[in-house]
Amino acid sequence: MWNREHIEKSFNINGKTKEGELTVRQFRVLTFIKNGGMHTVSEISNWFNISKSSMSIMISKLEKNGYLRKEQAPDTDDGRKMYFYLTQKGMTAVAEAEERVLETVAGCFFFG
């Protein structure tokens, strides 16, 4: 059965991250950006049904820690918009977290 113990094995769930450790929400946001290309804070906050201010704080922290980079919208778009992309560090962190999740899930089904 998938429970809190399994999630704790894959992610930091208390929000106080150590270097290189992601919370579940951070992982979900990074995965969303990885899979969906460029997004604004508004688009991301709407998708996750999180306030724009809360999402801005999370995005800022992810950017500060080197997981994301931001770029101003192209000239053809609203120049005030900022789009976010995963850095190499962000791609690596997502891949490592995905691997931990797979190992945890596999451990639920295979004994030995």
Protein backbone atom coordinates (compact mmCIF):
# COMPACT_ATOMS: atom_id res chain seq x y z
CA MET A 1 0.00 0.00 0.00
CA TRP A 2 1.29 3.45 -0.96
CA ASN A 3 1.46 5.60 2.15
CA ARG A 4 3.35 8.40 3.85
CA GLU A 5 6.32 6.13 4.53
CA HIS A 6 6.78 5.50 0.80
CA ILE A 7 6.57 9.20 -0.01
CA GLU A 8 9.11 9.99 2.74
CA LYS A 9 11.54 7.56 1.10
CA SER A 10 11.35 9.46 -2.20
CA PHE A 11 10.96 13.10 -1.14
CA ASN A 12 11.46 15.60 1.61
CA ILE A 13 7.92 16.12 2.86
CA ASN A 14 8.47 18.65 5.63
CA GLY A 15 9.41 21.48 3.25
CA LYS A 16 12.80 22.09 4.86
CA THR A 17 14.99 20.93 2.03
CA LYS A 18 18.65 20.11 2.17
CA GLU A 19 20.91 20.77 -0.80
CA GLY A 20 19.72 18.69 -3.73
CA GLU A 21 16.52 17.56 -2.02
CA LEU A 22 13.10 18.38 -3.46
CA THR A 23 9.68 18.48 -1.87
CA VAL A 24 6.85 16.63 -3.60
CA ARG A 25 5.35 19.94 -4.78
CA GLN A 26 8.70 21.15 -6.15
CA PHE A 27 9.13 17.84 -7.97
CA ARG A 28 5.65 18.14 -9.49
CA VAL A 29 6.30 21.72 -10.64
CA LEU A 30 9.68 20.84 -12.16
CA THR A 31 8.17 17.81 -13.89
CA PHE A 32 5.34 19.97 -15.25
CA ILE A 33 7.82 22.48 -16.66
CA LYS A 34 10.03 19.69 -18.03
CA ASN A 35 7.14 18.02 -19.83
CA GLY A 36 5.31 21.11 -20.97
CA GLY A 37 7.96 23.52 -22.11
CA MET A 38 7.88 27.20 -21.24
CA HIS A 39 5.37 28.45 -18.70
CA THR A 40 4.67 31.61 -16.77
CA VAL A 41 4.07 31.77 -13.02
CA SER A 42 0.38 32.39 -13.71
CA GLU A 43 0.08 29.32 -15.92
CA ILE A 44 1.85 27.12 -13.39
CA SER A 45 -0.15 28.43 -10.43
CA ASN A 46 -3.42 27.92 -12.34
CA TRP A 47 -2.48 24.36 -13.28
CA PHE A 48 -1.71 23.42 -9.66
CA ASN A 49 -4.48 25.55 -8.17
CA ILE A 50 -1.96 27.38 -5.97
CA SER A 51 -2.00 31.13 -5.43
CA LYS A 52 0.25 33.10 -7.73
CA SER A 53 2.13 34.56 -4.75
CA SER A 54 2.85 31.09 -3.29
CA MET A 55 3.94 29.83 -6.69
CA SER A 56 6.18 32.88 -7.17
CA ILE A 57 7.93 32.11 -3.88
CA MET A 58 8.46 28.48 -4.89
CA ILE A 59 9.68 29.42 -8.36
CA SER A 60 12.08 31.99 -6.88
CA LYS A 61 13.51 29.37 -4.53
CA LEU A 62 13.89 26.85 -7.37
CA GLU A 63 15.61 29.51 -9.47
CA LYS A 64 17.89 30.56 -6.60
CA ASN A 65 18.89 26.92 -6.09
CA GLY A 66 19.74 26.57 -9.77
CA TYR A 67 16.90 24.28 -10.88
CA LEU A 68 15.20 26.85 -13.11
CA ARG A 69 16.15 29.75 -15.29
CA LYS A 70 13.88 32.48 -16.47
CA GLU A 71 13.72 34.32 -19.75
CA GLN A 72 11.74 37.28 -20.85
CA ALA A 73 8.98 36.59 -23.33
CA PRO A 74 9.82 37.00 -27.01
CA ASP A 75 9.11 40.38 -28.64
CA THR A 76 5.93 38.97 -30.14
CA ASP A 77 4.55 38.26 -26.67
CA ASP A 78 3.80 40.46 -23.68
CA GLY A 79 7.22 41.80 -22.68
CA ARG A 80 6.32 41.68 -18.99
CA LYS A 81 5.98 37.89 -19.01
CA MET A 82 8.77 35.66 -17.79
CA TYR A 83 9.03 32.06 -18.90
CA PHE A 84 10.74 29.33 -16.89
CA TYR A 85 12.89 26.45 -18.11
CA LEU A 86 14.75 23.68 -16.32
CA THR A 87 18.50 24.03 -16.06
CA GLN A 88 20.79 21.02 -16.35
CA LYS A 89 20.71 20.81 -12.55
CA GLY A 90 16.90 20.82 -12.67
CA MET A 91 16.83 18.07 -15.30
CA THR A 92 19.23 15.98 -13.21
CA ALA A 93 17.20 16.52 -10.01
CA VAL A 94 13.97 15.47 -11.75
CA ALA A 95 15.61 12.38 -13.25
CA GLU A 96 17.05 11.36 -9.86
CA ALA A 97 13.69 11.92 -8.11
CA GLU A 98 11.90 9.89 -10.79
CA GLU A 99 14.38 7.07 -10.24
CA ARG A 100 13.80 7.13 -6.46
CA VAL A 101 10.04 7.01 -7.03
CA LEU A 102 10.40 4.03 -9.39
CA GLU A 103 12.63 2.20 -6.91
CA THR A 104 10.16 2.86 -4.08
CA VAL A 105 7.17 1.73 -6.14
CA ALA A 106 9.03 -1.34 -7.39
CA GLY A 107 9.86 -2.22 -3.77
CA CYS A 108 6.14 -2.34 -3.03
CA PHE A 109 5.60 -5.08 -5.61
CA PHE A 110 8.77 -7.13 -5.51
CA PHE A 111 10.00 -8.93 -2.43
CA GLY A 112 13.33 -10.45 -1.94
